[in-house]
Protein backbone atom coordinates (compact mmCIF):
# COMPACT_ATOMS: atom_id res chain seq x y z
CA UNK A 1 0.00 0.00 0.00
CA UNK A 2 1.02 3.59 -0.61
CA UNK A 3 -0.15 6.82 1.00
CA UNK A 4 -0.87 9.84 -1.19
CA UNK A 5 -2.32 13.28 -0.59
CA UNK A 6 -5.46 14.01 -2.62
CA UNK A 7 -6.25 17.71 -2.37
CA UNK A 8 -6.38 18.00 1.45
CA UNK A 9 -6.97 14.33 2.32
CA UNK A 10 -4.63 11.39 2.78
CA UNK A 11 -5.58 8.18 0.97
CA UNK A 12 -4.21 4.65 1.01
CA UNK A 13 -3.96 2.99 -2.41
CA UNK A 14 -2.59 -0.35 -3.57
CA UNK A 15 0.92 -0.45 -4.99
CA UNK A 16 0.82 0.14 -8.75
CA UNK A 17 -2.32 2.33 -8.65
CA UNK A 18 -2.50 4.79 -11.53
CA UNK A 19 -3.83 8.30 -11.63
CA UNK A 20 -6.61 7.07 -13.94
CA UNK A 21 -7.72 4.53 -11.31
CA UNK A 22 -7.78 7.19 -8.63
CA UNK A 23 -9.72 9.70 -10.74
CA UNK A 24 -12.26 7.04 -11.78
CA UNK A 25 -12.99 6.36 -8.09
CA UNK A 26 -13.98 9.99 -7.40
CA UNK A 27 -17.51 11.41 -7.38
CA UNK A 28 -16.95 13.58 -10.48
CA UNK A 29 -16.79 12.38 -14.08
CA UNK A 30 -13.09 11.94 -15.03
CA UNK A 31 -13.50 14.18 -18.08
CA UNK A 32 -14.68 17.03 -15.81
CA UNK A 33 -11.42 17.11 -13.83
CA UNK A 34 -7.93 18.35 -14.52
CA UNK A 35 -5.11 16.69 -12.59
CA UNK A 36 -1.66 17.50 -11.28
CA UNK A 37 0.81 15.28 -9.43
CA UNK A 38 3.46 16.96 -7.30
CA UNK A 39 2.63 20.26 -9.01
CA UNK A 40 2.98 18.95 -12.57
CA UNK A 41 -0.08 18.87 -14.84
CA UNK A 42 -0.94 15.38 -16.09
CA UNK A 43 -3.01 15.34 -19.31
CA UNK A 44 -6.12 13.18 -19.33
CA UNK A 45 -4.66 10.81 -21.95
CA UNK A 46 -1.58 10.12 -19.77
CA UNK A 47 -3.37 9.26 -16.52
CA UNK A 48 -3.41 5.52 -17.25
CA UNK A 49 0.38 5.44 -17.59
CA UNK A 50 1.07 7.62 -14.55
CA UNK A 51 1.75 5.23 -11.66
CA UNK A 52 1.35 6.89 -8.28
CA UNK A 53 4.10 6.58 -5.68
CA UNK A 54 4.12 6.77 -1.91
CA UNK A 55 4.05 10.41 -0.82
CA UNK A 56 2.71 11.85 -4.10
CA UNK A 57 0.54 14.94 -3.81
CA UNK A 58 -2.38 14.79 -6.27
CA UNK A 59 -4.56 17.78 -7.01
CA UNK A 60 -7.82 17.58 -8.92
CA UNK A 61 -9.74 20.62 -10.06
CA UNK A 62 -12.38 21.68 -12.54
CA UNK A 63 -10.74 23.69 -15.31
CA UNK A 64 -12.14 27.12 -16.04
CA UNK A 65 -13.22 27.51 -19.64
CA UNK A 66 -15.03 30.12 -21.60
CA UNK A 67 -14.33 33.33 -23.35
PDB file of N, CA and C in Angstrom:
ATOM      1  N   UNK A   1       0.844  -1.192   0.000  1.00  0.00           N
ATOM      2  CA  UNK A   1       0.000   0.000   0.000  1.00  0.00           C
ATOM      3  C   UNK A   1       0.885   1.250   0.000  1.00  0.00           C
ATOM      4  N   UNK A   2       0.347   2.298  -0.611  1.00  0.00           N
ATOM      5  CA  UNK A   2       1.023   3.587  -0.612  1.00  0.00           C
ATOM      6  C   UNK A   2       0.080   4.624  -0.015  1.00  0.00           C
ATOM      7  N   UNK A   3       0.644   5.704   0.487  1.00  0.00           N
ATOM      8  CA  UNK A   3      -0.150   6.822   1.005  1.00  0.00           C
ATOM      9  C   UNK A   3       0.103   8.016   0.090  1.00  0.00           C
ATOM     10  N   UNK A   4      -0.982   8.632  -0.366  1.00  0.00           N
ATOM     11  CA  UNK A   4      -0.874   9.838  -1.187  1.00  0.00           C
ATOM     12  C   UNK A   4      -1.726  10.930  -0.565  1.00  0.00           C
ATOM     13  N   UNK A   5      -1.470  12.159  -0.973  1.00  0.00           N
ATOM     14  CA  UNK A   5      -2.323  13.282  -0.591  1.00  0.00           C
ATOM     15  C   UNK A   5      -3.203  13.594  -1.793  1.00  0.00           C
ATOM     16  N   UNK A   6      -4.506  13.623  -1.579  1.00  0.00           N
ATOM     17  CA  UNK A   6      -5.456  14.013  -2.621  1.00  0.00           C
ATOM     18  C   UNK A   6      -6.127  15.288  -2.155  1.00  0.00           C
ATOM     19  N   UNK A   7      -5.796  16.388  -2.795  1.00  0.00           N
ATOM     20  CA  UNK A   7      -6.251  17.705  -2.368  1.00  0.00           C
ATOM     21  C   UNK A   7      -5.850  17.887  -0.901  1.00  0.00           C
ATOM     22  N   UNK A   8      -6.746  17.821   0.039  1.00  0.00           N
ATOM     23  CA  UNK A   8      -6.380  18.000   1.450  1.00  0.00           C
ATOM     24  C   UNK A   8      -6.507  16.719   2.264  1.00  0.00           C
ATOM     25  N   UNK A   9      -6.766  15.606   1.622  1.00  0.00           N
ATOM     26  CA  UNK A   9      -6.968  14.335   2.323  1.00  0.00           C
ATOM     27  C   UNK A   9      -5.814  13.379   2.056  1.00  0.00           C
ATOM     28  N   UNK A  10      -5.605  12.451   2.973  1.00  0.00           N
ATOM     29  CA  UNK A  10      -4.626  11.387   2.780  1.00  0.00           C
ATOM     30  C   UNK A  10      -5.383  10.109   2.446  1.00  0.00           C
ATOM     31  N   UNK A  11      -4.942   9.424   1.408  1.00  0.00           N
ATOM     32  CA  UNK A  11      -5.578   8.176   0.975  1.00  0.00           C
ATOM     33  C   UNK A  11      -4.548   7.058   0.930  1.00  0.00           C
ATOM     34  N   UNK A  12      -5.016   5.846   1.174  1.00  0.00           N
ATOM     35  CA  UNK A  12      -4.206   4.649   1.007  1.00  0.00           C
ATOM     36  C   UNK A  12      -4.645   3.989  -0.294  1.00  0.00           C
ATOM     37  N   UNK A  13      -3.687   3.652  -1.138  1.00  0.00           N
ATOM     38  CA  UNK A  13      -3.965   2.993  -2.411  1.00  0.00           C
ATOM     39  C   UNK A  13      -3.059   1.776  -2.546  1.00  0.00           C
ATOM     40  N   UNK A  14      -3.473   0.803  -3.345  1.00  0.00           N
ATOM     41  CA  UNK A  14      -2.592  -0.349  -3.570  1.00  0.00           C
ATOM     42  C   UNK A  14      -1.372   0.039  -4.392  1.00  0.00           C
ATOM     43  N   UNK A  15      -0.274  -0.657  -4.165  1.00  0.00           N
ATOM     44  CA  UNK A  15       0.922  -0.454  -4.991  1.00  0.00           C
ATOM     45  C   UNK A  15       0.542  -0.614  -6.460  1.00  0.00           C
ATOM     46  N   UNK A  16       1.079   0.231  -7.319  1.00  0.00           N
ATOM     47  CA  UNK A  16       0.817   0.141  -8.746  1.00  0.00           C
ATOM     48  C   UNK A  16      -0.416   0.895  -9.202  1.00  0.00           C
ATOM     49  N   UNK A  17      -1.123   1.568  -8.276  1.00  0.00           N
ATOM     50  CA  UNK A  17      -2.319   2.330  -8.654  1.00  0.00           C
ATOM     51  C   UNK A  17      -1.924   3.465  -9.593  1.00  0.00           C
ATOM     52  N   UNK A  18      -2.764   3.700 -10.587  1.00  0.00           N
ATOM     53  CA  UNK A  18      -2.500   4.785 -11.529  1.00  0.00           C
ATOM     54  C   UNK A  18      -3.384   5.984 -11.214  1.00  0.00           C
ATOM     55  N   UNK A  19      -3.020   7.099 -11.783  1.00  0.00           N
ATOM     56  CA  UNK A  19      -3.827   8.302 -11.630  1.00  0.00           C
ATOM     57  C   UNK A  19      -5.218   8.083 -12.226  1.00  0.00           C
ATOM     58  N   UNK A  20      -5.310   7.349 -13.319  1.00  0.00           N
ATOM     59  CA  UNK A  20      -6.611   7.065 -13.936  1.00  0.00           C
ATOM     60  C   UNK A  20      -7.510   6.288 -12.986  1.00  0.00           C
ATOM     61  N   UNK A  21      -6.949   5.318 -12.278  1.00  0.00           N
ATOM     62  CA  UNK A  21      -7.720   4.533 -11.311  1.00  0.00           C
ATOM     63  C   UNK A  21      -8.237   5.418 -10.193  1.00  0.00           C
ATOM     64  N   UNK A  22      -7.378   6.282  -9.692  1.00  0.00           N
ATOM     65  CA  UNK A  22      -7.780   7.195  -8.626  1.00  0.00           C
ATOM     66  C   UNK A  22      -8.898   8.116  -9.091  1.00  0.00           C
ATOM     67  N   UNK A  23      -8.720   8.750 -10.247  1.00  0.00           N
ATOM     68  CA  UNK A  23      -9.720   9.701 -10.742  1.00  0.00           C
ATOM     69  C   UNK A  23     -11.055   8.999 -11.004  1.00  0.00           C
ATOM     70  N   UNK A  24     -11.022   7.776 -11.513  1.00  0.00           N
ATOM     71  CA  UNK A  24     -12.256   7.037 -11.776  1.00  0.00           C
ATOM     72  C   UNK A  24     -13.020   6.726 -10.487  1.00  0.00           C
ATOM     73  N   UNK A  25     -12.336   6.691  -9.361  1.00  0.00           N
ATOM     74  CA  UNK A  25     -12.995   6.364  -8.090  1.00  0.00           C
ATOM     75  C   UNK A  25     -13.639   7.580  -7.432  1.00  0.00           C
ATOM     76  N   UNK A  26     -13.440   8.763  -7.985  1.00  0.00           N
ATOM     77  CA  UNK A  26     -13.979   9.987  -7.398  1.00  0.00           C
ATOM     78  C   UNK A  26     -15.425  10.213  -7.824  1.00  0.00           C
ATOM     79  N   UNK A  27     -16.098  11.143  -7.133  1.00  0.00           N
ATOM     80  CA  UNK A  27     -17.514  11.414  -7.381  1.00  0.00           C
ATOM     81  C   UNK A  27     -17.786  12.203  -8.663  1.00  0.00           C
ATOM     82  N   UNK A  28     -16.774  12.777  -9.260  1.00  0.00           N
ATOM     83  CA  UNK A  28     -16.950  13.585 -10.478  1.00  0.00           C
ATOM     84  C   UNK A  28     -16.584  12.767 -11.712  1.00  0.00           C
ATOM     85  N   UNK A  29     -17.194  13.060 -12.848  1.00  0.00           N
ATOM     86  CA  UNK A  29     -16.787  12.380 -14.084  1.00  0.00           C
ATOM     87  C   UNK A  29     -15.319  12.700 -14.392  1.00  0.00           C
ATOM     88  N   UNK A  30     -14.512  11.693 -14.752  1.00  0.00           N
ATOM     89  CA  UNK A  30     -13.086  11.941 -15.029  1.00  0.00           C
ATOM     90  C   UNK A  30     -12.834  13.037 -16.056  1.00  0.00           C
ATOM     91  N   UNK A  31     -13.698  13.166 -17.047  1.00  0.00           N
ATOM     92  CA  UNK A  31     -13.501  14.185 -18.078  1.00  0.00           C
ATOM     93  C   UNK A  31     -13.726  15.594 -17.537  1.00  0.00           C
ATOM     94  N   UNK A  32     -14.391  15.715 -16.381  1.00  0.00           N
ATOM     95  CA  UNK A  32     -14.680  17.029 -15.812  1.00  0.00           C
ATOM     96  C   UNK A  32     -13.541  17.552 -14.941  1.00  0.00           C
ATOM     97  N   UNK A  33     -12.508  16.732 -14.729  1.00  0.00           N
ATOM     98  CA  UNK A  33     -11.419  17.111 -13.830  1.00  0.00           C
ATOM     99  C   UNK A  33     -10.091  17.259 -14.560  1.00  0.00           C
ATOM    100  N   UNK A  34      -9.333  18.232 -14.139  1.00  0.00           N
ATOM    101  CA  UNK A  34      -7.929  18.346 -14.524  1.00  0.00           C
ATOM    102  C   UNK A  34      -7.121  17.788 -13.359  1.00  0.00           C
ATOM    103  N   UNK A  35      -5.905  17.312 -13.632  1.00  0.00           N
ATOM    104  CA  UNK A  35      -5.109  16.690 -12.585  1.00  0.00           C
ATOM    105  C   UNK A  35      -3.667  17.177 -12.611  1.00  0.00           C
ATOM    106  N   UNK A  36      -3.079  17.207 -11.429  1.00  0.00           N
ATOM    107  CA  UNK A  36      -1.657  17.500 -11.284  1.00  0.00           C
ATOM    108  C   UNK A  36      -1.098  16.574 -10.219  1.00  0.00           C
ATOM    109  N   UNK A  37       0.121  16.111 -10.422  1.00  0.00           N
ATOM    110  CA  UNK A  37       0.813  15.282  -9.433  1.00  0.00           C
ATOM    111  C   UNK A  37       2.115  15.993  -9.087  1.00  0.00           C
ATOM    112  N   UNK A  38       2.274  16.256  -7.795  1.00  0.00           N
ATOM    113  CA  UNK A  38       3.458  16.963  -7.303  1.00  0.00           C
ATOM    114  C   UNK A  38       3.689  18.282  -8.048  1.00  0.00           C
ATOM    115  N   UNK A  39       2.568  18.962  -8.370  1.00  0.00           N
ATOM    116  CA  UNK A  39       2.634  20.262  -9.014  1.00  0.00           C
ATOM    117  C   UNK A  39       2.757  20.245 -10.525  1.00  0.00           C
ATOM    118  N   UNK A  40       2.860  19.056 -11.118  1.00  0.00           N
ATOM    119  CA  UNK A  40       2.978  18.948 -12.573  1.00  0.00           C
ATOM    120  C   UNK A  40       1.667  18.477 -13.185  1.00  0.00           C
ATOM    121  N   UNK A  41       1.154  19.238 -14.148  1.00  0.00           N
ATOM    122  CA  UNK A  41      -0.076  18.873 -14.840  1.00  0.00           C
ATOM    123  C   UNK A  41       0.091  17.522 -15.524  1.00  0.00           C
ATOM    124  N   UNK A  42      -0.932  16.673 -15.392  1.00  0.00           N
ATOM    125  CA  UNK A  42      -0.936  15.378 -16.087  1.00  0.00           C
ATOM    126  C   UNK A  42      -2.138  15.367 -17.033  1.00  0.00           C
ATOM    127  N   UNK A  43      -1.909  15.364 -18.346  1.00  0.00           N
ATOM    128  CA  UNK A  43      -3.010  15.344 -19.307  1.00  0.00           C
ATOM    129  C   UNK A  43      -3.888  14.101 -19.140  1.00  0.00           C
ATOM    130  N   UNK A  44      -5.134  14.255 -19.471  1.00  0.00           N
ATOM    131  CA  UNK A  44      -6.121  13.180 -19.334  1.00  0.00           C
ATOM    132  C   UNK A  44      -5.645  11.899 -20.021  1.00  0.00           C
ATOM    133  N   UNK A  45      -5.058  12.008 -21.203  1.00  0.00           N
ATOM    134  CA  UNK A  45      -4.657  10.813 -21.945  1.00  0.00           C
ATOM    135  C   UNK A  45      -3.398  10.132 -21.389  1.00  0.00           C
ATOM    136  N   UNK A  46      -2.769  10.727 -20.375  1.00  0.00           N
ATOM    137  CA  UNK A  46      -1.584  10.124 -19.766  1.00  0.00           C
ATOM    138  C   UNK A  46      -1.846   9.574 -18.367  1.00  0.00           C
ATOM    139  N   UNK A  47      -3.056   9.710 -17.882  1.00  0.00           N
ATOM    140  CA  UNK A  47      -3.373   9.261 -16.518  1.00  0.00           C
ATOM    141  C   UNK A  47      -3.198   7.759 -16.335  1.00  0.00           C
ATOM    142  N   UNK A  48      -3.516   6.979 -17.351  1.00  0.00           N
ATOM    143  CA  UNK A  48      -3.411   5.524 -17.249  1.00  0.00           C
ATOM    144  C   UNK A  48      -1.977   5.034 -17.151  1.00  0.00           C
ATOM    145  N   UNK A  49      -1.034   5.815 -17.641  1.00  0.00           N
ATOM    146  CA  UNK A  49       0.377   5.439 -17.585  1.00  0.00           C
ATOM    147  C   UNK A  49       1.095   6.034 -16.379  1.00  0.00           C
ATOM    148  N   UNK A  50       0.424   6.938 -15.677  1.00  0.00           N
ATOM    149  CA  UNK A  50       1.067   7.621 -14.551  1.00  0.00           C
ATOM    150  C   UNK A  50       0.834   6.813 -13.265  1.00  0.00           C
ATOM    151  N   UNK A  51       1.837   6.042 -12.876  1.00  0.00           N
ATOM    152  CA  UNK A  51       1.751   5.233 -11.658  1.00  0.00           C
ATOM    153  C   UNK A  51       2.048   6.132 -10.462  1.00  0.00           C
ATOM    154  N   UNK A  52       1.161   6.084  -9.482  1.00  0.00           N
ATOM    155  CA  UNK A  52       1.346   6.888  -8.276  1.00  0.00           C
ATOM    156  C   UNK A  52       2.348   6.226  -7.346  1.00  0.00           C
ATOM    157  N   UNK A  53       3.071   7.058  -6.607  1.00  0.00           N
ATOM    158  CA  UNK A  53       4.098   6.576  -5.685  1.00  0.00           C
ATOM    159  C   UNK A  53       3.803   7.099  -4.276  1.00  0.00           C
ATOM    160  N   UNK A  54       4.315   6.383  -3.305  1.00  0.00           N
ATOM    161  CA  UNK A  54       4.124   6.771  -1.914  1.00  0.00           C
ATOM    162  C   UNK A  54       4.577   8.218  -1.709  1.00  0.00           C
ATOM    163  N   UNK A  55       3.720   9.018  -1.104  1.00  0.00           N
ATOM    164  CA  UNK A  55       4.048  10.408  -0.818  1.00  0.00           C
ATOM    165  C   UNK A  55       3.651  11.392  -1.893  1.00  0.00           C
ATOM    166  N   UNK A  56       3.138  10.925  -3.047  1.00  0.00           N
ATOM    167  CA  UNK A  56       2.715  11.845  -4.098  1.00  0.00           C
ATOM    168  C   UNK A  56       1.600  12.757  -3.593  1.00  0.00           C
ATOM    169  N   UNK A  57       1.601  13.979  -4.084  1.00  0.00           N
ATOM    170  CA  UNK A  57       0.538  14.941  -3.810  1.00  0.00           C
ATOM    171  C   UNK A  57      -0.253  15.130  -5.098  1.00  0.00           C
ATOM    172  N   UNK A  58      -1.511  14.710  -5.089  1.00  0.00           N
ATOM    173  CA  UNK A  58      -2.381  14.791  -6.267  1.00  0.00           C
ATOM    174  C   UNK A  58      -3.390  15.908  -6.045  1.00  0.00           C
ATOM    175  N   UNK A  59      -3.551  16.731  -7.057  1.00  0.00           N
ATOM    176  CA  UNK A  59      -4.559  17.777  -7.011  1.00  0.00           C
ATOM    177  C   UNK A  59      -5.521  17.567  -8.166  1.00  0.00           C
ATOM    178  N   UNK A  60      -6.806  17.614  -7.867  1.00  0.00           N
ATOM    179  CA  UNK A  60      -7.824  17.576  -8.916  1.00  0.00           C
ATOM    180  C   UNK A  60      -8.595  18.897  -8.852  1.00  0.00           C
ATOM    181  N   UNK A  61      -8.986  19.373 -10.011  1.00  0.00           N
ATOM    182  CA  UNK A  61      -9.741  20.625 -10.058  1.00  0.00           C
ATOM    183  C   UNK A  61     -10.520  20.684 -11.353  1.00  0.00           C
ATOM    184  N   UNK A  62     -11.587  21.478 -11.339  1.00  0.00           N
ATOM    185  CA  UNK A  62     -12.381  21.681 -12.536  1.00  0.00           C
ATOM    186  C   UNK A  62     -11.785  22.851 -13.309  1.00  0.00           C
ATOM    187  N   UNK A  63     -11.343  22.605 -14.535  1.00  0.00           N
ATOM    188  CA  UNK A  63     -10.741  23.686 -15.306  1.00  0.00           C
ATOM    189  C   UNK A  63     -11.761  24.775 -15.624  1.00  0.00           C
ATOM    190  N   UNK A  64     -11.284  25.989 -15.692  1.00  0.00           N
ATOM    191  CA  UNK A  64     -12.140  27.124 -16.038  1.00  0.00           C
ATOM    192  C   UNK A  64     -12.043  27.318 -17.544  1.00  0.00           C
ATOM    193  N   UNK A  65     -13.198  27.322 -18.187  1.00  0.00           N
ATOM    194  CA  UNK A  65     -13.217  27.507 -19.637  1.00  0.00           C
ATOM    195  C   UNK A  65     -14.185  28.621 -19.979  1.00  0.00           C
ATOM    196  N   UNK A  66     -14.103  29.082 -21.153  1.00  0.00           N
ATOM    197  CA  UNK A  66     -15.026  30.121 -21.601  1.00  0.00           C
ATOM    198  C   UNK A  66     -14.280  31.225 -22.303  1.00  0.00           C
ATOM    199  N   UNK A  67     -14.999  32.266 -22.615  1.00  0.00           N
ATOM    200  CA  UNK A  67     -14.334  33.325 -23.350  1.00  0.00           C
ATOM    201  C   UNK A  67     -14.774  34.675 -23.027  1.00  0.00           C
TER     202      UNK A  67
END
